Amino acid sequence: MKKKKVLFAVVAAISITAGTLVLAADHIDSPAVTNQTTDITDVYAFRGQDANNLVLVANTQGLLAPTATGAAQFDANTLIEFNIDNNNDFIEDLVIQGIYSNGKMKIYGPVKPSETGNRSKIEGAVTAEVAVTAYGAGAPTIGTSGGMKVFAGPRDDPFFFDLNQFKKIIAGTATGFNNPGTDAFAGTNVLSLVVELPKSMLNVKNGMLNVWVETKKRQ
């Protein structure tokens, strides 16, 4: 039986440069992803507690109220893809893909993609998987395999931003942010995919790594 090649097309993307730790955030401000499982809020890349490891985080489906978080789910038709450029040419050399299936997040990669850019297909075999942690669970469920650790489930939105003060600055009624500011995302949740893996699996060159995340819908 031939294995069916499932293609995914890009819906949303956000990026981070791991070398300089440039962060970006986006919460439901594009009509194409409003209230969709494809909405990316943030991507993070940072050194793990084990200095030999890198932690990658993709947060999606932002602004979930606590009352709505229990019903929120990852989508079996939405691919979450970490793109990794390890030679600074701004083209993905490796991908780590996450796809939800029957209560579990299955991870593929890191692997060299057969397609780059706006389309992807699931590459190779499953390298790790984890049951999705339920909202309100006492402890997170962590999947381990081949030196990788994986988590998938709801988490408090970690991004801090004083949105109301920002709007005042844009409108010209304020000249700067307050210290301390007011976190507009306090009390809201996201669905988070976290992958920790040895840096040696990413073939990092010259200490520079570009990482960006895309969500892609099954075509």
Protein backbone atom coordinates (compact mmCIF):
# COMPACT_ATOMS: atom_id res chain seq x y z
CA MET A 1 0.00 0.00 0.00
CA LYS A 2 1.39 3.37 -0.96
CA LYS A 3 1.74 5.96 1.77
CA LYS A 4 -0.43 8.96 0.95
CA LYS A 5 1.41 12.25 0.76
CA VAL A 6 -0.59 14.86 2.63
CA LEU A 7 0.16 18.43 1.63
CA PHE A 8 -0.26 21.39 3.94
CA ALA A 9 -0.40 25.03 2.83
CA VAL A 10 0.80 27.92 4.97
CA VAL A 11 -1.74 29.96 6.88
CA ALA A 12 0.30 31.96 9.37
CA ALA A 13 3.91 32.49 10.33
CA ILE A 14 5.99 34.24 12.96
CA SER A 15 9.73 34.18 13.44
CA ILE A 16 12.56 34.46 15.93
CA THR A 17 16.31 34.74 15.53
CA ALA A 18 17.78 32.53 18.21
CA GLY A 19 21.17 34.20 18.06
CA THR A 20 19.85 37.60 19.17
CA LEU A 21 16.58 36.43 20.76
CA VAL A 22 14.28 38.75 18.82
CA LEU A 23 10.70 38.12 19.90
CA ALA A 24 7.43 38.80 18.16
CA ALA A 25 3.80 38.32 19.10
CA ASP A 26 0.53 38.22 17.21
CA HIS A 27 -2.90 37.66 18.73
CA ILE A 28 -5.88 37.30 16.38
CA ASP A 29 -5.36 40.39 14.25
CA SER A 30 -5.55 38.75 10.83
CA PRO A 31 -8.97 37.86 9.36
CA ALA A 32 -7.53 34.64 7.91
CA VAL A 33 -6.81 33.20 11.35
CA THR A 34 -9.32 34.87 13.68
CA ASN A 35 -10.71 32.21 16.04
CA GLN A 36 -8.91 29.52 14.06
CA THR A 37 -6.65 26.67 15.21
CA THR A 38 -4.01 28.14 12.91
CA ASP A 39 -3.60 31.37 14.88
CA ILE A 40 -0.01 31.67 16.14
CA THR A 41 0.50 33.93 19.15
CA ASP A 42 4.20 33.47 19.86
CA VAL A 43 7.31 31.44 19.15
CA TYR A 44 10.21 31.11 21.58
CA ALA A 45 13.65 29.52 21.30
CA PHE A 46 15.95 29.38 24.31
CA ARG A 47 18.64 27.29 25.98
CA GLY A 48 17.31 24.48 28.13
CA GLN A 49 18.14 23.82 31.76
CA ASP A 50 20.63 21.40 30.23
CA ALA A 51 22.91 23.84 28.38
CA ASN A 52 23.35 21.28 25.59
CA ASN A 53 19.65 21.46 24.74
CA LEU A 54 17.46 23.96 22.91
CA VAL A 55 13.80 24.50 23.79
CA LEU A 56 11.34 25.47 21.04
CA VAL A 57 7.85 26.72 21.89
CA ALA A 58 4.94 27.39 19.53
CA ASN A 59 1.83 28.93 21.11
CA THR A 60 -1.46 28.98 19.23
CA GLN A 61 -5.14 29.85 19.74
CA GLY A 62 -4.56 32.83 21.97
CA LEU A 63 -6.92 34.82 24.20
CA LEU A 64 -8.63 31.68 25.51
CA ALA A 65 -10.71 32.48 28.58
CA PRO A 66 -10.47 29.93 31.40
CA THR A 67 -14.09 28.96 30.71
CA ALA A 68 -13.22 28.17 27.08
CA THR A 69 -9.85 26.51 27.61
CA GLY A 70 -11.16 23.11 28.65
CA ALA A 71 -12.93 22.69 25.31
CA ALA A 72 -10.05 24.02 23.18
CA GLN A 73 -8.26 21.39 21.10
CA PHE A 74 -5.44 21.01 18.66
CA ASP A 75 -6.70 20.31 15.15
CA ALA A 76 -5.88 17.11 13.26
CA ASN A 77 -5.87 19.13 10.02
CA THR A 78 -3.44 21.79 11.25
CA LEU A 79 0.30 21.15 11.04
CA ILE A 80 2.50 23.09 13.45
CA GLU A 81 5.97 23.38 11.94
CA PHE A 82 9.20 24.70 13.42
CA ASN A 83 11.46 25.79 10.55
CA ILE A 84 15.18 25.79 11.32
CA ASP A 85 17.78 27.60 9.23
CA ASN A 86 21.24 26.56 10.42
CA ASN A 87 23.40 28.27 7.77
CA ASN A 88 21.84 31.77 7.80
CA ASP A 89 20.45 31.70 4.25
CA PHE A 90 16.87 32.18 5.50
CA ILE A 91 15.70 28.89 3.99
CA GLU A 92 14.67 26.04 6.25
CA ASP A 93 17.31 23.31 6.42
CA LEU A 94 15.41 21.24 8.98
CA VAL A 95 11.82 21.05 10.17
CA ILE A 96 10.20 19.73 13.32
CA GLN A 97 6.54 19.03 12.70
CA GLY A 98 3.70 18.48 15.15
CA ILE A 99 0.33 17.01 14.21
CA TYR A 100 -2.53 16.06 16.53
CA SER A 101 -4.06 12.61 16.29
CA ASN A 102 -6.39 10.75 18.67
CA GLY A 103 -5.51 12.69 21.79
CA LYS A 104 -1.78 12.77 21.13
CA MET A 105 0.66 15.21 19.56
CA LYS A 106 2.95 13.35 17.18
CA ILE A 107 6.35 14.84 16.35
CA TYR A 108 8.29 14.33 13.14
CA GLY A 109 11.92 15.43 12.74
CA PRO A 110 14.18 17.23 12.93
CA VAL A 111 14.49 16.26 9.29
CA LYS A 112 15.46 17.91 6.02
CA PRO A 113 12.20 18.89 4.30
CA SER A 114 11.39 17.68 0.80
CA GLU A 115 9.55 20.97 0.20
CA THR A 116 10.35 24.45 1.46
CA GLY A 117 8.29 27.61 1.60
CA ASN A 118 4.51 27.71 1.68
CA ARG A 119 3.80 23.99 1.31
CA SER A 120 4.82 21.05 3.46
CA LYS A 121 4.17 17.36 3.82
CA ILE A 122 4.68 15.22 6.88
CA GLU A 123 8.28 14.04 6.73
CA GLY A 124 9.56 10.61 7.71
CA ALA A 125 8.46 8.67 10.77
CA VAL A 126 7.27 9.74 14.21
CA THR A 127 10.25 10.60 16.41
CA ALA A 128 8.30 11.40 19.60
CA GLU A 129 4.74 11.69 20.81
CA VAL A 130 2.88 12.83 23.89
CA ALA A 131 -0.67 12.74 25.19
CA VAL A 132 -2.16 16.23 25.30
CA THR A 133 -2.26 17.51 28.88
CA ALA A 134 -5.80 18.37 29.97
CA TYR A 135 -6.63 21.84 31.25
CA GLY A 136 -6.35 21.89 35.04
CA ALA A 137 -4.21 18.75 35.23
CA GLY A 138 -2.09 18.59 38.35
CA ALA A 139 1.12 17.90 36.43
CA PRO A 140 2.09 18.18 32.75
CA THR A 141 2.47 15.04 30.67
CA ILE A 142 5.94 14.91 29.11
CA GLY A 143 6.84 12.60 26.24
CA THR A 144 10.47 11.49 25.90
CA SER A 145 12.17 9.77 22.98
CA GLY A 146 15.67 9.78 21.51
CA GLY A 147 16.87 12.64 23.67
CA MET A 148 13.77 14.75 22.93
CA LYS A 149 11.15 15.95 25.39
CA VAL A 150 7.72 17.06 24.22
CA PHE A 151 4.73 18.77 25.83
CA ALA A 152 1.39 19.72 24.28
CA GLY A 153 -1.51 21.37 26.03
CA PRO A 154 -2.98 24.56 27.50
CA ARG A 155 -0.82 27.09 29.31
CA ASP A 156 -1.18 30.62 30.64
CA ASP A 157 -0.19 33.07 27.90
CA PRO A 158 3.38 34.09 28.83
CA PHE A 159 3.54 37.18 26.63
CA PHE A 160 3.29 40.49 28.53
CA PHE A 161 1.94 43.51 26.70
CA ASP A 162 0.13 46.65 27.82
CA LEU A 163 -2.22 46.87 24.86
CA ASN A 164 -4.38 49.72 26.17
CA GLN A 165 -1.36 51.91 26.83
CA PHE A 166 0.00 51.05 23.39
CA LYS A 167 -3.25 52.24 21.82
CA LYS A 168 -2.95 55.53 23.75
CA ILE A 169 0.61 56.00 22.47
CA ILE A 170 -0.52 55.37 18.89
CA ALA A 171 -3.41 57.81 19.34
CA GLY A 172 -1.05 60.48 20.68
CA THR A 173 -2.66 60.68 24.12
CA ALA A 174 0.35 59.12 25.91
CA THR A 175 4.08 59.44 25.34
CA GLY A 176 5.27 56.11 26.70
CA PHE A 177 4.54 52.96 28.67
CA ASN A 178 3.92 52.86 32.40
CA ASN A 179 6.20 51.06 34.85
CA PRO A 180 4.70 48.71 35.78
CA GLY A 181 2.32 48.26 32.89
CA THR A 182 -0.93 46.31 32.78
CA ASP A 183 -0.77 42.93 31.06
CA ALA A 184 -3.60 42.76 28.53
CA PHE A 185 -3.18 38.98 28.27
CA ALA A 186 -3.36 38.25 32.00
CA GLY A 187 -5.83 35.47 32.74
CA THR A 188 -5.92 34.18 29.16
CA ASN A 189 -4.52 30.92 27.87
CA VAL A 190 -2.92 29.41 24.77
CA LEU A 191 -2.40 25.93 23.41
CA SER A 192 1.31 25.27 23.56
CA LEU A 193 3.63 22.84 21.77
CA VAL A 194 7.05 22.55 23.44
CA VAL A 195 9.96 20.54 22.05
CA GLU A 196 13.31 20.26 23.85
CA LEU A 197 16.13 18.55 22.00
CA PRO A 198 19.94 18.39 21.91
CA LYS A 199 21.53 21.20 19.90
CA SER A 200 23.63 18.54 18.18
CA MET A 201 20.50 17.39 16.31
CA LEU A 202 20.23 20.79 14.60
CA ASN A 203 23.71 21.01 13.03
CA VAL A 204 24.21 24.58 14.24
CA LYS A 205 26.97 26.45 12.40
CA ASN A 206 28.82 29.50 13.76
CA GLY A 207 26.49 29.67 16.75
CA MET A 208 23.68 31.14 14.62
CA LEU A 209 20.24 29.62 14.27
CA ASN A 210 17.13 31.13 12.70
CA VAL A 211 13.82 29.65 13.83
CA TRP A 212 10.32 30.44 12.65
CA VAL A 213 6.97 28.73 13.02
CA GLU A 214 4.25 28.14 10.47
CA THR A 215 0.79 26.62 10.81
CA LYS A 216 -0.46 24.89 7.69
CA LYS A 217 -3.85 23.51 6.81
CA ARG A 218 -4.34 20.11 5.23
CA GLN A 219 -5.13 20.44 1.51
